[in-house]
Amino acid sequence: MKQAILALCALGTVAYALAPSAPTPSSGAAPAAAPFHCQIPCGIYGDKMRMEDAATIEKGMQTLTGLDVSADRNQVVRWIMNKDDHAQNVQDVVAQYWLAQRVKKPADASDAAAMDKYHRQLEHMHGITVDAMKCKQTTDPAHVESMRKHALDFSALYFSPEDLEHVRSHHAGGDEK
């Protein structure tokens, strides 16, 4: 099953499920109270991030800049398609998972701190989406780095300190695991 980033880039991709974080249906516990990774509350995965999509996009950009277009046309087409597919996956995960299900407007709109946090989360989600679009349009690795930065900045606003430590342990220095 393809793990869902945050990965953003995550993050890339931005956010991806890493491990079971809630009871599975076979355990007899009701999954309704579990965190969601899809639009069905299956209770299988949590929200910790991995950034395989960002790493794949970056590798595609590096490979494309090193290929001889006249001699390696097939490889150029394949790498462009692969890079674009992963960038689209980032956009899909941000829209269908994070924005549709996870990032919530505060119930009390008069709570200035909560509204500020919400607006900053939206700003980072938008940044990830725009960076993914720019990754489709160019081979400039600055867009991948910007996407990663938005993903990690979003993480600081969204995740618990324990989850942040987990994210950082996987992405220290840009190394993707």
N, C-alpha and C. Protein backbone atom coordinates (compact mmCIF):
# COMPACT_ATOMS: atom_id res chain seq x y z
N MET A 1 0.85 -1.18 0.00
CA MET A 1 0.00 0.00 0.00
C MET A 1 0.89 1.24 0.00
N LYS A 2 0.62 2.15 -0.89
CA LYS A 2 1.41 3.37 -0.97
C LYS A 2 1.16 4.21 0.29
N GLN A 3 2.25 4.59 0.97
CA GLN A 3 2.10 5.34 2.21
C GLN A 3 1.80 6.80 1.87
N ALA A 4 0.81 7.33 2.59
CA ALA A 4 0.28 8.64 2.24
C ALA A 4 1.11 9.77 2.76
N ILE A 5 2.08 12.59 2.77
CA ILE A 5 3.16 14.15 3.09
C ILE A 5 3.31 14.86 3.20
N LEU A 6 4.62 14.92 3.45
CA LEU A 6 4.40 15.85 4.16
C LEU A 6 4.94 16.15 3.83
N ALA A 7 5.51 14.79 4.23
CA ALA A 7 6.42 14.76 3.88
C ALA A 7 6.69 15.74 3.63
N LEU A 8 5.85 16.56 3.79
CA LEU A 8 5.48 17.16 3.05
C LEU A 8 6.60 16.85 2.63
N CYS A 9 6.83 16.95 1.62
CA CYS A 9 7.94 16.94 0.80
C CYS A 9 8.76 15.90 1.29
N ALA A 10 6.18 14.29 2.07
CA ALA A 10 6.06 14.47 2.20
C ALA A 10 6.47 14.60 1.27
N LEU A 11 7.78 16.65 1.89
CA LEU A 11 7.66 17.03 2.56
C LEU A 11 7.78 16.10 2.17
N GLY A 12 8.46 15.19 0.48
CA GLY A 12 7.27 15.04 0.21
C GLY A 12 6.72 14.69 0.43
N THR A 13 7.16 14.59 -0.14
CA THR A 13 5.99 14.71 0.10
C THR A 13 5.87 15.15 1.39
N VAL A 14 4.64 15.66 1.61
CA VAL A 14 4.55 16.34 2.86
C VAL A 14 4.31 15.40 3.98
N ALA A 15 3.21 14.73 3.97
CA ALA A 15 2.92 13.92 5.13
C ALA A 15 2.65 12.51 4.72
N TYR A 16 3.28 11.64 5.39
CA TYR A 16 3.10 10.24 5.10
C TYR A 16 2.97 9.46 6.39
N ALA A 17 2.17 8.45 6.32
CA ALA A 17 2.02 7.59 7.50
C ALA A 17 3.27 6.76 7.65
N LEU A 18 3.76 6.67 8.88
CA LEU A 18 4.96 5.90 9.13
C LEU A 18 4.68 4.57 9.80
N ALA A 19 3.80 4.58 10.73
CA ALA A 19 3.58 3.37 11.51
C ALA A 19 2.18 3.37 12.08
N PRO A 20 1.69 2.19 12.42
CA PRO A 20 0.38 2.16 13.06
C PRO A 20 0.40 2.99 14.33
N SER A 21 -0.66 3.78 14.53
CA SER A 21 -0.72 4.60 15.73
C SER A 21 -2.05 4.42 16.45
N ALA A 22 -2.85 3.50 15.97
CA ALA A 22 -4.16 3.30 16.57
C ALA A 22 -4.54 1.84 16.40
N PRO A 23 -5.52 1.40 17.15
CA PRO A 23 -5.95 0.00 17.03
C PRO A 23 -6.47 -0.30 15.63
N THR A 24 -6.18 -1.48 15.17
CA THR A 24 -6.71 -1.92 13.89
C THR A 24 -8.04 -2.62 14.13
N PRO A 25 -8.88 -2.75 13.09
CA PRO A 25 -10.17 -3.40 13.28
C PRO A 25 -10.06 -4.80 13.89
N SER A 26 -8.97 -5.52 13.60
CA SER A 26 -8.83 -6.87 14.13
C SER A 26 -8.57 -6.89 15.63
N SER A 27 -8.17 -5.74 16.22
CA SER A 27 -7.87 -5.72 17.65
C SER A 27 -9.14 -5.61 18.49
N GLY A 28 -10.27 -5.37 17.84
CA GLY A 28 -11.52 -5.28 18.57
C GLY A 28 -11.85 -3.88 19.05
N ALA A 29 -10.89 -2.96 18.96
CA ALA A 29 -11.14 -1.58 19.40
C ALA A 29 -11.82 -0.82 18.27
N ALA A 30 -12.65 0.12 18.63
CA ALA A 30 -13.35 0.91 17.63
C ALA A 30 -12.40 1.91 16.98
N PRO A 31 -12.23 1.91 15.65
CA PRO A 31 -11.30 2.80 14.99
C PRO A 31 -11.82 4.22 14.83
N ALA A 32 -13.05 4.52 15.19
CA ALA A 32 -13.63 5.84 14.95
C ALA A 32 -12.88 6.96 15.65
N ALA A 33 -12.24 6.69 16.79
CA ALA A 33 -11.55 7.73 17.53
C ALA A 33 -10.11 7.90 17.05
N ALA A 34 -9.67 7.11 16.10
CA ALA A 34 -8.29 7.12 15.65
C ALA A 34 -8.03 8.25 14.67
N PRO A 35 -6.76 8.66 14.54
CA PRO A 35 -6.42 9.65 13.54
C PRO A 35 -6.63 9.07 12.13
N PHE A 36 -6.87 9.94 11.17
CA PHE A 36 -7.17 9.48 9.81
C PHE A 36 -6.00 9.72 8.87
N HIS A 37 -5.84 8.86 7.88
CA HIS A 37 -4.89 9.07 6.80
C HIS A 37 -5.62 9.10 5.47
N CYS A 38 -6.89 8.82 5.50
CA CYS A 38 -7.71 8.83 4.30
C CYS A 38 -9.09 9.35 4.69
N GLN A 39 -10.01 9.35 3.77
CA GLN A 39 -11.32 9.89 4.07
C GLN A 39 -12.22 8.86 4.74
N ILE A 40 -11.66 7.71 5.03
CA ILE A 40 -12.38 6.68 5.79
C ILE A 40 -11.62 6.54 7.11
N PRO A 41 -12.26 6.67 8.24
CA PRO A 41 -11.53 6.59 9.51
C PRO A 41 -11.14 5.16 9.86
N CYS A 42 -10.12 4.64 9.17
CA CYS A 42 -9.74 3.24 9.37
C CYS A 42 -8.92 3.05 10.63
N GLY A 43 -8.27 4.11 11.13
CA GLY A 43 -7.53 4.02 12.37
C GLY A 43 -6.20 3.29 12.25
N ILE A 44 -5.64 3.21 11.07
CA ILE A 44 -4.40 2.44 10.87
C ILE A 44 -3.15 3.30 11.02
N TYR A 45 -3.14 4.48 10.44
CA TYR A 45 -1.92 5.29 10.37
C TYR A 45 -2.06 6.62 11.07
N GLY A 46 -0.93 7.19 11.45
CA GLY A 46 -0.86 8.54 12.01
C GLY A 46 -0.33 9.50 10.97
N ASP A 47 0.07 10.70 11.42
CA ASP A 47 0.43 11.78 10.50
C ASP A 47 1.92 12.06 10.37
N LYS A 48 2.79 11.30 10.96
CA LYS A 48 4.20 11.64 10.90
C LYS A 48 4.67 11.72 9.44
N MET A 49 5.64 12.56 9.21
CA MET A 49 6.02 12.89 7.84
C MET A 49 7.22 12.11 7.33
N ARG A 50 7.21 11.87 6.04
CA ARG A 50 8.35 11.38 5.30
C ARG A 50 8.41 12.19 4.02
N MET A 51 9.56 12.25 3.42
CA MET A 51 9.70 13.12 2.26
C MET A 51 10.25 12.40 1.04
N GLU A 52 9.73 11.22 0.76
CA GLU A 52 10.21 10.49 -0.40
C GLU A 52 9.92 11.22 -1.70
N ASP A 53 8.76 11.86 -1.79
CA ASP A 53 8.44 12.56 -3.03
C ASP A 53 9.46 13.66 -3.31
N ALA A 54 9.84 14.41 -2.30
CA ALA A 54 10.82 15.48 -2.49
C ALA A 54 12.16 14.91 -2.95
N ALA A 55 12.57 13.80 -2.36
CA ALA A 55 13.83 13.17 -2.76
C ALA A 55 13.77 12.69 -4.20
N THR A 56 12.65 12.13 -4.60
CA THR A 56 12.50 11.65 -5.98
C THR A 56 12.48 12.81 -6.96
N ILE A 57 11.78 13.87 -6.60
CA ILE A 57 11.76 15.06 -7.46
C ILE A 57 13.17 15.61 -7.63
N GLU A 58 13.89 15.70 -6.52
CA GLU A 58 15.25 16.23 -6.56
C GLU A 58 16.16 15.34 -7.42
N LYS A 59 16.05 14.03 -7.25
CA LYS A 59 16.86 13.11 -8.05
C LYS A 59 16.51 13.25 -9.53
N GLY A 60 15.23 13.38 -9.84
CA GLY A 60 14.81 13.58 -11.23
C GLY A 60 15.42 14.84 -11.82
N MET A 61 15.41 15.92 -11.04
CA MET A 61 16.00 17.18 -11.52
C MET A 61 17.49 17.02 -11.78
N GLN A 62 18.20 16.38 -10.85
CA GLN A 62 19.64 16.17 -11.01
C GLN A 62 19.92 15.29 -12.23
N THR A 63 19.14 14.25 -12.40
CA THR A 63 19.34 13.34 -13.53
C THR A 63 19.07 14.06 -14.84
N LEU A 64 17.98 14.81 -14.89
CA LEU A 64 17.62 15.52 -16.12
C LEU A 64 18.69 16.52 -16.54
N THR A 65 19.28 17.21 -15.58
CA THR A 65 20.30 18.19 -15.95
C THR A 65 21.58 17.53 -16.44
N GLY A 66 21.76 16.23 -16.14
CA GLY A 66 22.95 15.52 -16.58
C GLY A 66 22.77 14.70 -17.84
N LEU A 67 21.55 14.57 -18.33
CA LEU A 67 21.30 13.75 -19.51
C LEU A 67 21.56 14.51 -20.81
N ASP A 68 22.02 13.80 -21.81
CA ASP A 68 22.15 14.34 -23.16
C ASP A 68 20.79 14.18 -23.84
N VAL A 69 20.07 15.29 -23.98
CA VAL A 69 18.70 15.26 -24.50
C VAL A 69 18.64 14.60 -25.87
N SER A 70 19.60 14.84 -26.73
CA SER A 70 19.54 14.27 -28.08
C SER A 70 19.80 12.77 -28.07
N ALA A 71 20.57 12.26 -27.13
CA ALA A 71 20.89 10.84 -27.11
C ALA A 71 19.98 10.04 -26.19
N ASP A 72 19.43 10.67 -25.17
CA ASP A 72 18.66 9.96 -24.15
C ASP A 72 17.21 10.43 -24.08
N ARG A 73 16.57 10.59 -25.21
CA ARG A 73 15.20 11.13 -25.22
C ARG A 73 14.24 10.32 -24.36
N ASN A 74 14.32 9.00 -24.46
CA ASN A 74 13.41 8.16 -23.69
C ASN A 74 13.62 8.39 -22.19
N GLN A 75 14.87 8.43 -21.76
CA GLN A 75 15.16 8.66 -20.35
C GLN A 75 14.71 10.04 -19.89
N VAL A 76 14.87 11.04 -20.74
CA VAL A 76 14.41 12.39 -20.41
C VAL A 76 12.91 12.39 -20.17
N VAL A 77 12.17 11.78 -21.08
CA VAL A 77 10.71 11.72 -20.95
C VAL A 77 10.32 10.98 -19.67
N ARG A 78 10.97 9.85 -19.41
CA ARG A 78 10.65 9.07 -18.22
C ARG A 78 10.93 9.86 -16.94
N TRP A 79 12.06 10.56 -16.88
CA TRP A 79 12.39 11.32 -15.67
C TRP A 79 11.46 12.51 -15.49
N ILE A 80 11.09 13.15 -16.58
CA ILE A 80 10.14 14.27 -16.47
C ILE A 80 8.81 13.76 -15.94
N MET A 81 8.33 12.66 -16.49
CA MET A 81 7.05 12.11 -16.04
C MET A 81 7.13 11.69 -14.57
N ASN A 82 8.22 11.08 -14.18
CA ASN A 82 8.38 10.64 -12.80
C ASN A 82 8.42 11.84 -11.85
N LYS A 83 9.21 12.84 -12.21
CA LYS A 83 9.31 14.06 -11.40
C LYS A 83 7.94 14.72 -11.26
N ASP A 84 7.23 14.84 -12.37
CA ASP A 84 5.91 15.48 -12.35
C ASP A 84 4.89 14.66 -11.57
N ASP A 85 4.96 13.33 -11.67
CA ASP A 85 4.03 12.48 -10.91
C ASP A 85 4.22 12.67 -9.41
N HIS A 86 5.46 12.75 -8.97
CA HIS A 86 5.72 12.93 -7.54
C HIS A 86 5.33 14.33 -7.08
N ALA A 87 5.53 15.32 -7.92
CA ALA A 87 5.09 16.68 -7.57
C ALA A 87 3.56 16.73 -7.48
N GLN A 88 2.89 16.04 -8.39
CA GLN A 88 1.43 15.98 -8.34
C GLN A 88 0.96 15.26 -7.09
N ASN A 89 1.67 14.22 -6.69
CA ASN A 89 1.31 13.50 -5.47
C ASN A 89 1.39 14.43 -4.26
N VAL A 90 2.41 15.26 -4.21
CA VAL A 90 2.52 16.23 -3.11
C VAL A 90 1.29 17.13 -3.10
N GLN A 91 0.92 17.65 -4.26
CA GLN A 91 -0.25 18.53 -4.35
C GLN A 91 -1.52 17.80 -3.93
N ASP A 92 -1.67 16.56 -4.36
CA ASP A 92 -2.86 15.78 -4.02
C ASP A 92 -2.95 15.52 -2.52
N VAL A 93 -1.83 15.15 -1.91
CA VAL A 93 -1.84 14.87 -0.47
C VAL A 93 -2.16 16.14 0.32
N VAL A 94 -1.58 17.26 -0.09
CA VAL A 94 -1.87 18.52 0.60
C VAL A 94 -3.36 18.83 0.50
N ALA A 95 -3.92 18.74 -0.69
CA ALA A 95 -5.33 19.11 -0.88
C ALA A 95 -6.30 18.09 -0.29
N GLN A 96 -6.08 16.82 -0.60
CA GLN A 96 -7.06 15.79 -0.22
C GLN A 96 -6.92 15.31 1.21
N TYR A 97 -5.75 15.44 1.77
CA TYR A 97 -5.56 14.96 3.13
C TYR A 97 -5.43 16.12 4.13
N TRP A 98 -4.39 16.93 3.94
CA TRP A 98 -4.13 17.97 4.94
C TRP A 98 -5.19 19.05 4.95
N LEU A 99 -5.50 19.62 3.80
CA LEU A 99 -6.47 20.73 3.79
C LEU A 99 -7.90 20.25 3.98
N ALA A 100 -8.22 19.10 3.42
CA ALA A 100 -9.60 18.61 3.53
C ALA A 100 -9.90 17.99 4.90
N GLN A 101 -8.88 17.42 5.55
CA GLN A 101 -9.16 16.64 6.75
C GLN A 101 -8.43 17.05 8.01
N ARG A 102 -7.22 17.53 7.92
CA ARG A 102 -6.40 17.70 9.12
C ARG A 102 -6.29 19.14 9.62
N VAL A 103 -6.06 20.09 8.74
CA VAL A 103 -5.92 21.48 9.18
C VAL A 103 -7.32 22.03 9.42
N LYS A 104 -7.60 22.35 10.66
CA LYS A 104 -8.95 22.78 11.05
C LYS A 104 -8.96 24.23 11.48
N LYS A 105 -9.99 24.94 11.05
CA LYS A 105 -10.20 26.32 11.51
C LYS A 105 -10.58 26.24 12.99
N PRO A 106 -10.00 27.10 13.82
CA PRO A 106 -10.36 27.08 15.24
C PRO A 106 -11.85 27.34 15.45
N ALA A 107 -12.42 26.64 16.40
CA ALA A 107 -13.84 26.81 16.71
C ALA A 107 -14.13 28.23 17.21
N ASP A 108 -13.17 28.80 17.92
CA ASP A 108 -13.33 30.14 18.45
C ASP A 108 -12.54 31.12 17.59
N ALA A 109 -13.20 31.75 16.64
CA ALA A 109 -12.53 32.69 15.72
C ALA A 109 -12.00 33.93 16.43
N SER A 110 -12.42 34.16 17.67
CA SER A 110 -11.92 35.33 18.41
C SER A 110 -10.60 35.01 19.12
N ASP A 111 -10.17 33.75 19.10
CA ASP A 111 -8.89 33.36 19.70
C ASP A 111 -7.77 33.73 18.72
N ALA A 112 -7.14 34.87 18.95
CA ALA A 112 -6.15 35.41 18.02
C ALA A 112 -4.97 34.46 17.82
N ALA A 113 -4.48 33.84 18.88
CA ALA A 113 -3.33 32.94 18.75
C ALA A 113 -3.69 31.72 17.91
N ALA A 114 -4.87 31.15 18.14
CA ALA A 114 -5.30 29.97 17.36
C ALA A 114 -5.51 30.34 15.90
N MET A 115 -6.09 31.50 15.65
CA MET A 115 -6.30 31.94 14.26
C MET A 115 -4.97 32.21 13.56
N ASP A 116 -4.01 32.78 14.28
CA ASP A 116 -2.69 33.02 13.70
C ASP A 116 -2.01 31.70 13.32
N LYS A 117 -2.08 30.72 14.23
CA LYS A 117 -1.52 29.40 13.95
C LYS A 117 -2.19 28.78 12.74
N TYR A 118 -3.49 28.86 12.65
CA TYR A 118 -4.26 28.33 11.52
C TYR A 118 -3.82 29.00 10.21
N HIS A 119 -3.70 30.31 10.22
CA HIS A 119 -3.30 31.03 9.01
C HIS A 119 -1.86 30.69 8.60
N ARG A 120 -0.99 30.49 9.57
CA ARG A 120 0.39 30.09 9.25
C ARG A 120 0.41 28.67 8.68
N GLN A 121 -0.43 27.77 9.20
CA GLN A 121 -0.51 26.42 8.64
C GLN A 121 -0.98 26.49 7.18
N LEU A 122 -2.00 27.29 6.92
CA LEU A 122 -2.50 27.44 5.55
C LEU A 122 -1.42 28.02 4.63
N GLU A 123 -0.68 28.98 5.15
CA GLU A 123 0.39 29.60 4.36
C GLU A 123 1.43 28.54 3.95
N HIS A 124 1.80 27.66 4.86
CA HIS A 124 2.78 26.62 4.54
C HIS A 124 2.20 25.58 3.58
N MET A 125 0.95 25.21 3.75
CA MET A 125 0.32 24.28 2.82
C MET A 125 0.27 24.88 1.41
N HIS A 126 -0.06 26.16 1.33
CA HIS A 126 -0.07 26.84 0.03
C HIS A 126 1.34 26.87 -0.56
N GLY A 127 2.32 27.16 0.28
CA GLY A 127 3.71 27.19 -0.19
C GLY A 127 4.16 25.85 -0.74
N ILE A 128 3.77 24.78 -0.08
CA ILE A 128 4.12 23.43 -0.56
C ILE A 128 3.48 23.18 -1.92
N THR A 129 2.23 23.55 -2.06
CA THR A 129 1.51 23.34 -3.32
C THR A 129 2.16 24.13 -4.45
N VAL A 130 2.49 25.37 -4.20
CA VAL A 130 3.12 26.21 -5.24
C VAL A 130 4.51 25.67 -5.57
N ASP A 131 5.28 25.29 -4.56
CA ASP A 131 6.60 24.72 -4.83
C ASP A 131 6.50 23.44 -5.66
N ALA A 132 5.52 22.60 -5.37
CA ALA A 132 5.33 21.38 -6.16
C ALA A 132 5.02 21.73 -7.61
N MET A 133 4.19 22.76 -7.82
CA MET A 133 3.89 23.20 -9.18
C MET A 133 5.17 23.67 -9.88
N LYS A 134 5.99 24.43 -9.17
CA LYS A 134 7.24 24.92 -9.77
C LYS A 134 8.21 23.79 -10.05
N CYS A 135 8.15 22.72 -9.25
CA CYS A 135 8.99 21.55 -9.52
C CYS A 135 8.60 20.89 -10.84
N LYS A 136 7.33 20.97 -11.19
CA LYS A 136 6.88 20.43 -12.47
C LYS A 136 7.40 21.29 -13.62
N GLN A 137 7.53 22.58 -13.41
CA GLN A 137 7.86 23.52 -14.48
C GLN A 137 9.35 23.65 -14.74
N THR A 138 10.18 23.29 -13.76
CA THR A 138 11.62 23.54 -13.89
C THR A 138 12.43 22.37 -13.36
N THR A 139 13.74 22.52 -13.43
CA THR A 139 14.66 21.60 -12.76
C THR A 139 15.49 22.36 -11.73
N ASP A 140 14.94 23.41 -11.18
CA ASP A 140 15.62 24.22 -10.18
C ASP A 140 15.45 23.58 -8.80
N PRO A 141 16.54 23.06 -8.21
CA PRO A 141 16.43 22.39 -6.91
C PRO A 141 16.02 23.34 -5.77
N ALA A 142 16.05 24.62 -6.00
CA ALA A 142 15.62 25.58 -4.96
C ALA A 142 14.15 25.36 -4.61
N HIS A 143 13.36 24.90 -5.57
CA HIS A 143 11.94 24.65 -5.30
C HIS A 143 11.74 23.44 -4.38
N VAL A 144 12.60 22.44 -4.52
CA VAL A 144 12.54 21.28 -3.63
C VAL A 144 12.92 21.70 -2.22
N GLU A 145 13.98 22.49 -2.10
CA GLU A 145 14.40 22.96 -0.78
C GLU A 145 13.33 23.83 -0.14
N SER A 146 12.69 24.68 -0.92
CA SER A 146 11.61 25.51 -0.39
C SER A 146 10.44 24.65 0.07
N MET A 147 10.13 23.60 -0.70
CA MET A 147 9.05 22.69 -0.33
C MET A 147 9.38 22.00 0.99
N ARG A 148 10.62 21.55 1.13
CA ARG A 148 11.04 20.91 2.39
C ARG A 148 10.95 21.89 3.56
N LYS A 149 11.38 23.11 3.33
CA LYS A 149 11.33 24.11 4.40
C LYS A 149 9.88 24.37 4.82
N HIS A 150 8.99 24.53 3.85
CA HIS A 150 7.58 24.73 4.19
C HIS A 150 7.04 23.52 4.97
N ALA A 151 7.43 22.32 4.56
CA ALA A 151 6.95 21.11 5.24
C ALA A 151 7.44 21.06 6.68
N LEU A 152 8.70 21.37 6.88
CA LEU A 152 9.24 21.34 8.24
C LEU A 152 8.69 22.48 9.09
N ASP A 153 8.48 23.64 8.49
CA ASP A 153 7.87 24.75 9.23
C ASP A 153 6.42 24.42 9.60
N PHE A 154 5.70 23.79 8.68
CA PHE A 154 4.34 23.35 8.98
C PHE A 154 4.38 22.34 10.13
N SER A 155 5.32 21.41 10.07
CA SER A 155 5.44 20.39 11.10
C SER A 155 5.59 21.01 12.48
N ALA A 156 6.39 22.08 12.57
CA ALA A 156 6.60 22.74 13.86
C ALA A 156 5.29 23.32 14.41
N LEU A 157 4.37 23.67 13.52
CA LEU A 157 3.08 24.21 13.95
C LEU A 157 2.06 23.12 14.25
N TYR A 158 2.22 21.96 13.67
CA TYR A 158 1.19 20.93 13.72
C TYR A 158 1.50 19.79 14.70
N PHE A 159 2.71 19.28 14.69
CA PHE A 159 3.03 18.07 15.42
C PHE A 159 3.46 18.33 16.86
N SER A 160 3.35 17.28 17.67
CA SER A 160 3.82 17.33 19.06
C SER A 160 5.35 17.34 19.07
N PRO A 161 5.97 17.71 20.20
CA PRO A 161 7.43 17.68 20.28
C PRO A 161 8.02 16.29 19.98
N GLU A 162 7.34 15.24 20.42
CA GLU A 162 7.82 13.88 20.15
C GLU A 162 7.78 13.57 18.66
N ASP A 163 6.70 13.95 18.01
CA ASP A 163 6.59 13.71 16.58
C ASP A 163 7.62 14.55 15.81
N LEU A 164 7.86 15.76 16.26
CA LEU A 164 8.87 16.61 15.62
C LEU A 164 10.26 15.98 15.72
N GLU A 165 10.58 15.41 16.85
CA GLU A 165 11.87 14.75 17.00
C GLU A 165 11.97 13.58 16.02
N HIS A 166 10.88 12.84 15.86
CA HIS A 166 10.86 11.73 14.90
C HIS A 166 11.09 12.26 13.48
N VAL A 167 10.40 13.32 13.11
CA VAL A 167 10.55 13.92 11.78
C VAL A 167 11.99 14.35 11.57
N ARG A 168 12.54 15.07 12.54
CA ARG A 168 13.91 15.57 12.40
C ARG A 168 14.92 14.42 12.31
N SER A 169 14.68 13.34 13.01
CA SER A 169 15.62 12.21 12.96
C SER A 169 15.67 11.59 11.57
N HIS A 170 14.59 11.73 10.82
CA HIS A 170 14.56 11.18 9.45
C HIS A 170 15.03 12.17 8.40
N HIS A 171 15.03 13.45 8.74
CA HIS A 171 15.31 14.46 7.71
C HIS A 171 16.45 15.39 8.05
N ALA A 172 17.27 15.04 8.99
CA ALA A 172 18.40 15.88 9.36
C ALA A 172 19.33 16.01 8.17
N GLY A 173 19.64 17.23 7.82
CA GLY A 173 20.55 17.47 6.72
C GLY A 173 20.00 17.12 5.36
N GLY A 174 18.68 16.95 5.24
CA GLY A 174 18.08 16.65 3.94
C GLY A 174 18.17 15.20 3.55
N ASP A 175 18.75 14.35 4.43
CA ASP A 175 18.84 12.93 4.10
C ASP A 175 17.48 12.31 4.21
N GLU A 176 17.03 11.62 3.17
CA GLU A 176 15.73 10.97 3.17
C GLU A 176 15.93 9.51 3.54
N LYS A 177 15.11 9.00 4.41
CA LYS A 177 15.20 7.60 4.80
C LYS A 177 13.96 6.88 4.38
